Amino acid sequence: TLAFLEDTGWYKANFKFAENSPFGLGAGCSFVEDDCIVNGGEVPDYGKGFFCNDVESSEWSCGPSANFRGKCDIKSYTHPKRNYFDTLHIGPSFTHADYCPLVVSNAQGCDDVYGLKLHAVEVFGKGSKCMDVTKSTGKSALCLKGSCNQNTKSYDFEVENKILSCTKDFEEISVEM
């Protein structure tokens, strides 16, 4: 986008501020070529972290950038345009992603210092990122302080003054809260 704007002759882009969009980054060809929901309602491995399938829209999940949490955009329709689910009358309201459901409803930015906490350990503000969690009440997502650790090649995050680390995508770490 920056190169396009610069090519118009109207703008001078500063490419040190450029970054890749996290949406679909590293997901492979199946992400682009295959369905986002398979087997009547499942998110395939190549779509995990990008698409959602919470038909009840009750679970909080992280957006693909981990900059916000929100709920899955699936609504009931009399005649949905495209349907990936066995239930014939559901689909997303945001249709520009080939009718694939995304975490976009009720979005709450993790950098919003006035964010509404779901749990006492949540921290909003600069340096906070969204983390998908499983609690006794089910799946959820929380905004927590965290950063990439270049030395250990991990993502370090803080829960109640304890530093925990993830070293791979979708790693599950048990934390008592």
N, C-alpha and C. Protein backbone atom coordinates (compact mmCIF):
# COMPACT_ATOMS: atom_id res chain seq x y z
N THR A 1 0.82 -1.19 0.00
CA THR A 1 0.00 0.00 0.00
C THR A 1 0.87 1.26 0.00
N LEU A 2 1.93 1.24 0.83
CA LEU A 2 2.81 2.41 0.86
C LEU A 2 3.48 2.65 -0.50
N ALA A 3 3.93 1.57 -1.15
CA ALA A 3 4.56 1.70 -2.46
C ALA A 3 3.57 2.24 -3.49
N PHE A 4 2.35 1.78 -3.44
CA PHE A 4 1.31 2.28 -4.35
C PHE A 4 1.10 3.77 -4.16
N LEU A 5 0.97 4.20 -2.91
CA LEU A 5 0.76 5.62 -2.64
C LEU A 5 1.96 6.45 -3.11
N GLU A 6 3.16 5.94 -2.90
CA GLU A 6 4.35 6.67 -3.35
C GLU A 6 4.40 6.75 -4.88
N ASP A 7 3.99 5.66 -5.55
CA ASP A 7 3.99 5.63 -7.02
C ASP A 7 3.02 6.63 -7.64
N THR A 8 2.03 7.08 -6.86
CA THR A 8 1.11 8.09 -7.40
C THR A 8 1.80 9.43 -7.59
N GLY A 9 2.94 9.62 -6.91
CA GLY A 9 3.65 10.88 -7.00
C GLY A 9 3.18 11.92 -6.01
N TRP A 10 2.14 11.61 -5.26
CA TRP A 10 1.58 12.56 -4.30
C TRP A 10 2.14 12.37 -2.88
N TYR A 11 2.75 11.23 -2.63
CA TYR A 11 3.19 10.92 -1.27
C TYR A 11 4.63 10.43 -1.26
N LYS A 12 5.31 10.61 -0.14
CA LYS A 12 6.62 10.03 0.11
C LYS A 12 6.45 9.11 1.32
N ALA A 13 6.59 7.84 1.10
CA ALA A 13 6.36 6.85 2.16
C ALA A 13 7.61 6.68 3.03
N ASN A 14 7.36 6.45 4.30
CA ASN A 14 8.45 6.13 5.23
C ASN A 14 8.34 4.63 5.52
N PHE A 15 9.13 3.83 4.83
CA PHE A 15 9.00 2.37 4.89
C PHE A 15 9.47 1.77 6.21
N LYS A 16 10.13 2.55 7.08
CA LYS A 16 10.51 1.97 8.37
C LYS A 16 9.30 1.73 9.25
N PHE A 17 8.16 2.31 8.93
CA PHE A 17 6.95 2.08 9.69
C PHE A 17 6.06 1.01 9.07
N ALA A 18 6.51 0.42 7.98
CA ALA A 18 5.72 -0.62 7.30
C ALA A 18 5.81 -1.92 8.07
N GLU A 19 4.74 -2.67 8.06
CA GLU A 19 4.73 -4.00 8.67
C GLU A 19 3.74 -4.87 7.94
N ASN A 20 3.94 -6.17 8.01
CA ASN A 20 3.02 -7.11 7.37
C ASN A 20 1.70 -7.15 8.11
N SER A 21 0.65 -7.34 7.37
CA SER A 21 -0.64 -7.59 8.00
C SER A 21 -0.60 -8.99 8.59
N PRO A 22 -1.05 -9.16 9.82
CA PRO A 22 -1.01 -10.49 10.43
C PRO A 22 -2.07 -11.44 9.85
N PHE A 23 -3.04 -10.90 9.13
CA PHE A 23 -4.14 -11.74 8.64
C PHE A 23 -3.66 -12.67 7.54
N GLY A 24 -3.61 -13.96 7.84
CA GLY A 24 -3.20 -14.98 6.88
C GLY A 24 -1.70 -15.15 6.77
N LEU A 25 -0.93 -14.36 7.49
CA LEU A 25 0.52 -14.41 7.40
C LEU A 25 1.04 -15.78 7.82
N GLY A 26 1.75 -16.45 6.92
CA GLY A 26 2.34 -17.75 7.21
C GLY A 26 1.37 -18.92 7.20
N ALA A 27 0.14 -18.69 6.78
CA ALA A 27 -0.88 -19.75 6.82
C ALA A 27 -0.81 -20.69 5.63
N GLY A 28 -0.11 -20.33 4.57
CA GLY A 28 0.03 -21.22 3.42
C GLY A 28 -1.06 -21.05 2.38
N CYS A 29 -0.92 -21.83 1.31
CA CYS A 29 -1.83 -21.72 0.17
C CYS A 29 -3.26 -22.15 0.51
N SER A 30 -3.41 -23.11 1.40
CA SER A 30 -4.76 -23.57 1.76
C SER A 30 -5.60 -22.44 2.35
N PHE A 31 -4.94 -21.52 3.03
CA PHE A 31 -5.65 -20.38 3.61
C PHE A 31 -6.37 -19.58 2.52
N VAL A 32 -5.76 -19.46 1.37
CA VAL A 32 -6.32 -18.68 0.27
C VAL A 32 -7.21 -19.54 -0.62
N GLU A 33 -6.82 -20.77 -0.87
CA GLU A 33 -7.49 -21.60 -1.87
C GLU A 33 -8.63 -22.46 -1.33
N ASP A 34 -8.60 -22.83 -0.06
CA ASP A 34 -9.60 -23.75 0.48
C ASP A 34 -10.61 -23.00 1.36
N ASP A 35 -11.65 -23.70 1.78
CA ASP A 35 -12.70 -23.09 2.60
C ASP A 35 -12.19 -22.74 3.99
N CYS A 36 -12.77 -21.67 4.56
CA CYS A 36 -12.39 -21.22 5.90
C CYS A 36 -13.07 -22.04 6.98
N ILE A 37 -14.18 -22.66 6.67
CA ILE A 37 -14.91 -23.54 7.59
C ILE A 37 -15.15 -24.85 6.84
N VAL A 38 -14.81 -25.97 7.46
CA VAL A 38 -14.95 -27.27 6.81
C VAL A 38 -15.77 -28.22 7.69
N ASN A 39 -16.18 -29.32 7.10
CA ASN A 39 -16.93 -30.36 7.82
C ASN A 39 -18.15 -29.82 8.56
N GLY A 40 -18.84 -28.86 7.96
CA GLY A 40 -20.09 -28.36 8.53
C GLY A 40 -19.93 -27.40 9.70
N GLY A 41 -18.71 -26.97 10.02
CA GLY A 41 -18.59 -26.00 11.09
C GLY A 41 -17.25 -25.93 11.80
N GLU A 42 -16.22 -26.64 11.31
CA GLU A 42 -14.91 -26.63 11.96
C GLU A 42 -13.94 -25.68 11.27
N VAL A 43 -13.11 -25.01 12.07
CA VAL A 43 -12.03 -24.18 11.53
C VAL A 43 -10.85 -25.11 11.25
N PRO A 44 -10.38 -25.19 10.01
CA PRO A 44 -9.25 -26.07 9.70
C PRO A 44 -7.95 -25.51 10.32
N ASP A 45 -6.93 -26.34 10.41
CA ASP A 45 -5.67 -25.93 11.02
C ASP A 45 -5.10 -24.66 10.38
N TYR A 46 -5.18 -24.54 9.05
CA TYR A 46 -4.63 -23.36 8.39
C TYR A 46 -5.43 -22.09 8.67
N GLY A 47 -6.61 -22.22 9.23
CA GLY A 47 -7.45 -21.06 9.54
C GLY A 47 -7.48 -20.68 11.01
N LYS A 48 -6.84 -21.49 11.87
CA LYS A 48 -6.87 -21.22 13.31
C LYS A 48 -6.18 -19.89 13.61
N GLY A 49 -6.83 -19.09 14.42
CA GLY A 49 -6.32 -17.78 14.76
C GLY A 49 -6.78 -16.69 13.80
N PHE A 50 -7.40 -17.11 12.68
CA PHE A 50 -7.87 -16.14 11.70
C PHE A 50 -9.40 -16.17 11.58
N PHE A 51 -9.98 -17.36 11.55
CA PHE A 51 -11.42 -17.52 11.41
C PHE A 51 -11.99 -18.08 12.71
N CYS A 52 -13.30 -17.98 12.87
CA CYS A 52 -13.94 -18.46 14.09
C CYS A 52 -15.22 -19.22 13.74
N ASN A 53 -15.72 -19.99 14.71
CA ASN A 53 -16.92 -20.78 14.47
C ASN A 53 -17.85 -20.82 15.68
N ASP A 54 -17.73 -19.87 16.58
CA ASP A 54 -18.58 -19.82 17.77
C ASP A 54 -19.97 -19.36 17.37
N VAL A 55 -20.84 -20.31 17.08
CA VAL A 55 -22.18 -20.02 16.59
C VAL A 55 -22.98 -19.23 17.62
N GLU A 56 -22.77 -19.48 18.90
CA GLU A 56 -23.49 -18.76 19.95
C GLU A 56 -22.96 -17.35 20.14
N SER A 57 -21.77 -17.05 19.60
CA SER A 57 -21.10 -15.75 19.75
C SER A 57 -20.98 -15.35 21.22
N SER A 58 -20.73 -16.33 22.07
CA SER A 58 -20.62 -16.05 23.50
C SER A 58 -19.18 -16.04 23.98
N GLU A 59 -18.28 -16.65 23.22
CA GLU A 59 -16.88 -16.73 23.64
C GLU A 59 -16.10 -15.50 23.18
N TRP A 60 -15.21 -15.02 24.02
CA TRP A 60 -14.27 -13.98 23.63
C TRP A 60 -13.07 -14.67 23.00
N SER A 61 -12.56 -14.11 21.92
CA SER A 61 -11.38 -14.63 21.23
C SER A 61 -10.49 -13.46 20.84
N CYS A 62 -9.25 -13.78 20.52
CA CYS A 62 -8.31 -12.76 20.07
C CYS A 62 -8.42 -12.58 18.57
N GLY A 63 -8.26 -11.35 18.11
CA GLY A 63 -8.16 -11.08 16.69
C GLY A 63 -6.80 -11.54 16.20
N PRO A 64 -6.60 -11.68 14.88
CA PRO A 64 -5.34 -12.22 14.35
C PRO A 64 -4.10 -11.39 14.69
N SER A 65 -4.27 -10.11 14.97
CA SER A 65 -3.12 -9.27 15.31
C SER A 65 -2.77 -9.37 16.79
N ALA A 66 -3.63 -9.98 17.59
CA ALA A 66 -3.51 -10.04 19.05
C ALA A 66 -3.58 -8.66 19.68
N ASN A 67 -4.06 -7.67 18.94
CA ASN A 67 -4.20 -6.32 19.48
C ASN A 67 -5.57 -6.08 20.11
N PHE A 68 -6.50 -7.00 19.91
CA PHE A 68 -7.84 -6.84 20.46
C PHE A 68 -8.48 -8.18 20.72
N ARG A 69 -9.52 -8.15 21.54
CA ARG A 69 -10.37 -9.32 21.72
C ARG A 69 -11.77 -8.94 21.26
N GLY A 70 -12.51 -9.94 20.82
CA GLY A 70 -13.86 -9.71 20.35
C GLY A 70 -14.62 -11.02 20.31
N LYS A 71 -15.74 -10.99 19.67
CA LYS A 71 -16.58 -12.19 19.54
C LYS A 71 -16.74 -12.52 18.06
N CYS A 72 -17.06 -13.77 17.82
CA CYS A 72 -17.21 -14.26 16.45
C CYS A 72 -18.44 -13.62 15.80
N ASP A 73 -18.25 -13.17 14.58
CA ASP A 73 -19.31 -12.50 13.83
C ASP A 73 -20.16 -13.53 13.08
N ILE A 74 -21.05 -14.18 13.80
CA ILE A 74 -21.99 -15.11 13.17
C ILE A 74 -23.39 -14.72 13.62
N LYS A 75 -24.26 -14.51 12.67
CA LYS A 75 -25.63 -14.08 12.94
C LYS A 75 -26.61 -15.02 12.23
N SER A 76 -27.86 -14.98 12.63
CA SER A 76 -28.91 -15.73 11.94
C SER A 76 -29.47 -14.89 10.80
N TYR A 77 -29.67 -15.53 9.67
CA TYR A 77 -30.23 -14.87 8.50
C TYR A 77 -31.30 -15.76 7.88
N THR A 78 -32.28 -15.14 7.25
CA THR A 78 -33.29 -15.91 6.54
C THR A 78 -32.66 -16.58 5.33
N HIS A 79 -31.85 -15.84 4.58
CA HIS A 79 -31.19 -16.36 3.39
C HIS A 79 -29.74 -15.87 3.35
N PRO A 80 -28.83 -16.56 4.06
CA PRO A 80 -27.43 -16.12 3.97
C PRO A 80 -26.89 -16.31 2.56
N LYS A 81 -25.98 -15.43 2.13
CA LYS A 81 -25.42 -15.49 0.78
C LYS A 81 -24.56 -16.73 0.57
N ARG A 82 -23.76 -17.07 1.58
CA ARG A 82 -22.90 -18.24 1.48
C ARG A 82 -22.87 -18.91 2.83
N ASN A 83 -22.91 -20.21 2.83
CA ASN A 83 -23.00 -20.90 4.11
C ASN A 83 -21.97 -22.02 4.20
N TYR A 84 -21.14 -21.95 5.21
CA TYR A 84 -20.15 -22.99 5.47
C TYR A 84 -20.61 -23.95 6.56
N PHE A 85 -21.74 -23.66 7.20
CA PHE A 85 -22.20 -24.43 8.34
C PHE A 85 -23.36 -25.34 7.96
N ASP A 86 -23.52 -26.43 8.70
CA ASP A 86 -24.64 -27.34 8.47
C ASP A 86 -25.96 -26.63 8.74
N THR A 87 -25.96 -25.74 9.74
CA THR A 87 -27.15 -24.95 10.02
C THR A 87 -27.29 -23.95 8.88
N LEU A 88 -28.38 -23.99 8.17
CA LEU A 88 -28.50 -23.24 6.93
C LEU A 88 -28.72 -21.74 7.08
N HIS A 89 -29.05 -21.26 8.25
CA HIS A 89 -29.44 -19.87 8.37
C HIS A 89 -28.49 -19.03 9.21
N ILE A 90 -27.19 -19.31 9.12
CA ILE A 90 -26.22 -18.48 9.84
C ILE A 90 -25.09 -18.06 8.91
N GLY A 91 -24.48 -16.96 9.25
CA GLY A 91 -23.36 -16.44 8.49
C GLY A 91 -22.88 -15.14 9.10
N PRO A 92 -21.79 -14.60 8.59
CA PRO A 92 -21.25 -13.35 9.15
C PRO A 92 -21.93 -12.12 8.57
N SER A 93 -21.92 -11.03 9.35
CA SER A 93 -22.43 -9.77 8.81
C SER A 93 -21.35 -9.09 7.97
N PHE A 94 -20.08 -9.32 8.29
CA PHE A 94 -18.97 -8.81 7.50
C PHE A 94 -18.73 -9.80 6.37
N THR A 95 -19.04 -9.40 5.14
CA THR A 95 -19.03 -10.34 4.02
C THR A 95 -17.81 -10.21 3.11
N HIS A 96 -16.92 -9.26 3.38
CA HIS A 96 -15.81 -9.01 2.47
C HIS A 96 -14.66 -10.00 2.62
N ALA A 97 -14.79 -10.99 3.47
CA ALA A 97 -13.78 -12.03 3.61
C ALA A 97 -14.36 -13.35 3.09
N ASP A 98 -15.00 -13.31 1.94
CA ASP A 98 -15.62 -14.48 1.31
C ASP A 98 -16.62 -15.16 2.25
N TYR A 99 -17.32 -14.34 3.02
CA TYR A 99 -18.34 -14.83 3.94
C TYR A 99 -17.77 -15.74 5.03
N CYS A 100 -16.51 -15.56 5.34
CA CYS A 100 -15.87 -16.31 6.42
C CYS A 100 -16.03 -15.55 7.73
N PRO A 101 -16.42 -16.23 8.80
CA PRO A 101 -16.62 -15.54 10.08
C PRO A 101 -15.28 -15.15 10.72
N LEU A 102 -15.24 -13.91 11.22
CA LEU A 102 -14.04 -13.36 11.84
C LEU A 102 -14.36 -12.87 13.25
N VAL A 103 -13.34 -12.73 14.07
CA VAL A 103 -13.51 -12.14 15.39
C VAL A 103 -13.50 -10.62 15.21
N VAL A 104 -14.71 -10.03 15.09
CA VAL A 104 -14.82 -8.59 14.89
C VAL A 104 -15.93 -7.95 15.73
N SER A 105 -16.86 -8.74 16.23
CA SER A 105 -17.97 -8.18 17.00
C SER A 105 -17.51 -7.79 18.41
N ASN A 106 -18.04 -6.69 18.91
CA ASN A 106 -17.74 -6.20 20.27
C ASN A 106 -16.24 -6.06 20.52
N ALA A 107 -15.48 -5.67 19.52
CA ALA A 107 -14.03 -5.59 19.65
C ALA A 107 -13.61 -4.62 20.75
N GLN A 108 -12.65 -5.07 21.56
CA GLN A 108 -12.09 -4.29 22.67
C GLN A 108 -10.58 -4.27 22.50
N GLY A 109 -10.01 -3.10 22.21
CA GLY A 109 -8.58 -2.97 22.01
C GLY A 109 -7.80 -3.18 23.30
N CYS A 110 -6.73 -3.97 23.24
CA CYS A 110 -5.92 -4.22 24.43
C CYS A 110 -5.10 -2.99 24.83
N ASP A 111 -4.92 -2.05 23.91
CA ASP A 111 -4.18 -0.82 24.24
C ASP A 111 -5.08 0.27 24.83
N ASP A 112 -6.38 -0.01 24.92
CA ASP A 112 -7.35 0.96 25.46
C ASP A 112 -7.28 0.96 26.99
N VAL A 113 -6.70 2.01 27.56
CA VAL A 113 -6.51 2.07 29.02
C VAL A 113 -7.84 2.06 29.77
N TYR A 114 -8.94 2.32 29.08
CA TYR A 114 -10.26 2.29 29.70
C TYR A 114 -11.01 0.99 29.39
N GLY A 115 -10.30 -0.03 28.93
CA GLY A 115 -10.92 -1.29 28.56
C GLY A 115 -11.65 -1.95 29.72
N LEU A 116 -12.73 -2.61 29.40
CA LEU A 116 -13.54 -3.30 30.40
C LEU A 116 -12.94 -4.67 30.69
N LYS A 117 -12.51 -4.89 31.91
CA LYS A 117 -11.85 -6.15 32.29
C LYS A 117 -12.85 -7.29 32.40
N LEU A 118 -12.45 -8.46 31.86
CA LEU A 118 -13.22 -9.68 32.03
C LEU A 118 -12.75 -10.44 33.26
N HIS A 119 -11.51 -10.19 33.67
CA HIS A 119 -10.90 -10.88 34.80
C HIS A 119 -9.93 -9.92 35.48
N ALA A 120 -9.74 -10.08 36.77
CA ALA A 120 -8.90 -9.17 37.55
C ALA A 120 -7.46 -9.11 37.05
N VAL A 121 -6.94 -10.17 36.41
CA VAL A 121 -5.54 -10.17 35.96
C VAL A 121 -5.33 -9.40 34.66
N GLU A 122 -6.41 -8.99 34.01
CA GLU A 122 -6.27 -8.28 32.74
C GLU A 122 -5.59 -6.94 32.93
N VAL A 123 -4.74 -6.59 31.94
CA VAL A 123 -4.04 -5.31 31.94
C VAL A 123 -4.20 -4.68 30.56
N PHE A 124 -4.78 -3.49 30.52
CA PHE A 124 -4.94 -2.76 29.28
C PHE A 124 -3.91 -1.64 29.21
N GLY A 125 -3.48 -1.29 28.02
CA GLY A 125 -2.56 -0.18 27.82
C GLY A 125 -1.44 -0.57 26.88
N LYS A 126 -0.46 0.32 26.76
CA LYS A 126 0.67 0.09 25.88
C LYS A 126 1.39 -1.19 26.29
N GLY A 127 1.69 -2.05 25.32
CA GLY A 127 2.39 -3.30 25.59
C GLY A 127 1.48 -4.47 25.92
N SER A 128 0.16 -4.26 25.95
CA SER A 128 -0.76 -5.36 26.21
C SER A 128 -1.18 -6.02 24.91
N LYS A 129 -1.29 -7.33 24.94
CA LYS A 129 -1.71 -8.12 23.78
C LYS A 129 -2.78 -9.11 24.24
N CYS A 130 -3.54 -9.58 23.30
CA CYS A 130 -4.60 -10.54 23.59
C CYS A 130 -4.04 -11.95 23.64
N MET A 131 -4.50 -12.72 24.60
CA MET A 131 -4.12 -14.13 24.76
C MET A 131 -5.40 -14.96 24.88
N ASP A 132 -5.52 -15.99 24.05
CA ASP A 132 -6.65 -16.91 24.19
C ASP A 132 -6.41 -17.78 25.42
N VAL A 133 -7.44 -17.95 26.24
CA VAL A 133 -7.32 -18.72 27.47
C VAL A 133 -8.50 -19.67 27.61
N THR A 134 -8.31 -20.68 28.43
CA THR A 134 -9.39 -21.58 28.81
C THR A 134 -9.54 -21.48 30.32
N LYS A 135 -10.73 -21.10 30.76
CA LYS A 135 -11.01 -20.99 32.19
C LYS A 135 -12.02 -22.08 32.55
N SER A 136 -12.31 -22.19 33.84
CA SER A 136 -13.27 -23.20 34.28
C SER A 136 -14.64 -22.95 33.66
N THR A 137 -14.92 -21.70 33.28
CA THR A 137 -16.21 -21.36 32.69
C THR A 137 -16.21 -21.51 31.17
N GLY A 138 -15.08 -21.91 30.58
CA GLY A 138 -15.00 -22.09 29.14
C GLY A 138 -13.89 -21.26 28.52
N LYS A 139 -13.91 -21.16 27.19
CA LYS A 139 -12.89 -20.41 26.46
C LYS A 139 -13.13 -18.92 26.64
N SER A 140 -12.04 -18.17 26.57
CA SER A 140 -12.13 -16.72 26.66
C SER A 140 -10.85 -16.12 26.09
N ALA A 141 -10.72 -14.83 26.20
CA ALA A 141 -9.52 -14.13 25.77
C ALA A 141 -9.28 -12.99 26.74
N LEU A 142 -8.02 -12.76 27.08
CA LEU A 142 -7.67 -11.70 28.02
C LEU A 142 -6.57 -10.83 27.44
N CYS A 143 -6.58 -9.57 27.81
CA CYS A 143 -5.51 -8.64 27.44
C CYS A 143 -4.48 -8.65 28.57
N LEU A 144 -3.23 -8.97 28.23
CA LEU A 144 -2.16 -9.09 29.22
C LEU A 144 -0.92 -8.37 28.71
N LYS A 145 -0.08 -7.88 29.62
CA LYS A 145 1.19 -7.28 29.25
C LYS A 145 2.07 -8.37 28.68
N GLY A 146 2.75 -8.08 27.57
CA GLY A 146 3.63 -9.08 26.98
C GLY A 146 4.52 -8.49 25.92
N SER A 147 5.55 -9.25 25.56
CA SER A 147 6.46 -8.81 24.51
C SER A 147 7.24 -9.99 23.96
N CYS A 148 7.78 -9.81 22.76
CA CYS A 148 8.62 -10.84 22.15
C CYS A 148 10.00 -10.80 22.79
N ASN A 149 10.53 -11.97 23.11
CA ASN A 149 11.86 -12.08 23.69
C ASN A 149 12.77 -12.63 22.60
N GLN A 150 13.62 -11.77 22.04
CA GLN A 150 14.49 -12.16 20.93
C GLN A 150 15.54 -13.18 21.37
N ASN A 151 15.97 -13.12 22.62
CA ASN A 151 17.01 -14.04 23.11
C ASN A 151 16.51 -15.48 23.19
N THR A 152 15.30 -15.66 23.70
CA THR A 152 14.77 -17.01 23.88
C THR A 152 13.82 -17.42 22.76
N LYS A 153 13.56 -16.50 21.82
CA LYS A 153 12.61 -16.74 20.71
C LYS A 153 11.25 -17.16 21.27
N SER A 154 10.79 -16.40 22.26
CA SER A 154 9.51 -16.71 22.90
C SER A 154 8.68 -15.44 23.02
N TYR A 155 7.41 -15.63 23.35
CA TYR A 155 6.55 -14.51 23.69
C TYR A 155 6.35 -14.58 25.19
N ASP A 156 6.83 -13.56 25.91
CA ASP A 156 6.73 -13.53 27.36
C ASP A 156 5.56 -12.65 27.76
N PHE A 157 4.72 -13.16 28.68
CA PHE A 157 3.58 -12.39 29.15
C PHE A 157 3.49 -12.49 30.66
N GLU A 158 2.78 -11.54 31.25
CA GLU A 158 2.74 -11.44 32.70
C GLU A 158 1.34 -11.72 33.22
N VAL A 159 1.27 -12.59 34.24
CA VAL A 159 0.02 -12.88 34.94
C VAL A 159 0.32 -12.80 36.44
N GLU A 160 -0.29 -11.85 37.10
CA GLU A 160 -0.10 -11.64 38.54
C GLU A 160 1.37 -11.62 38.93
N ASN A 161 2.14 -10.78 38.26
CA ASN A 161 3.58 -10.58 38.53
C ASN A 161 4.44 -11.80 38.25
N LYS A 162 3.94 -12.77 37.52
CA LYS A 162 4.72 -13.93 37.09
C LYS A 162 4.91 -13.83 35.58
N ILE A 163 6.14 -14.05 35.12
CA ILE A 163 6.43 -14.04 33.68
C ILE A 163 6.32 -15.46 33.16
N LEU A 164 5.48 -15.66 32.15
CA LEU A 164 5.28 -16.95 31.50
C LEU A 164 5.68 -16.80 30.04
N SER A 165 6.04 -17.89 29.39
CA SER A 165 6.53 -17.82 28.01
C SER A 165 5.86 -18.84 27.11
N CYS A 166 5.58 -18.41 25.88
CA CYS A 166 5.12 -19.28 24.80
C CYS A 166 6.24 -19.36 23.77
N THR A 167 6.50 -20.56 23.27
CA THR A 167 7.56 -20.71 22.27
C THR A 167 7.02 -21.14 20.91
N LYS A 168 5.71 -21.42 20.81
CA LYS A 168 5.13 -21.81 19.53
C LYS A 168 3.66 -21.40 19.49
N ASP A 169 3.12 -21.31 18.28
CA ASP A 169 1.71 -20.96 18.10
C ASP A 169 0.80 -21.97 18.78
N PHE A 170 -0.25 -21.48 19.39
CA PHE A 170 -1.31 -22.29 20.02
C PHE A 170 -0.79 -23.16 21.17
N GLU A 171 0.36 -22.80 21.72
CA GLU A 171 0.88 -23.52 22.88
C GLU A 171 -0.06 -23.29 24.07
N GLU A 172 -0.31 -24.34 24.84
CA GLU A 172 -1.17 -24.23 26.00
C GLU A 172 -0.32 -24.23 27.26
N ILE A 173 -0.53 -23.21 28.09
CA ILE A 173 0.20 -23.07 29.34
C ILE A 173 -0.83 -23.00 30.47
N SER A 174 -0.65 -23.82 31.48
CA SER A 174 -1.56 -23.86 32.60
C SER A 174 -1.18 -22.78 33.62
N VAL A 175 -2.15 -21.96 33.98
CA VAL A 175 -1.93 -20.88 34.92
C VAL A 175 -3.07 -20.89 35.94
N GLU A 176 -2.73 -20.84 37.21
CA GLU A 176 -3.74 -20.73 38.25
C GLU A 176 -4.09 -19.26 38.44
N MET A 177 -5.37 -18.92 38.34
CA MET A 177 -5.79 -17.52 38.55
C MET A 177 -6.85 -17.47 39.63
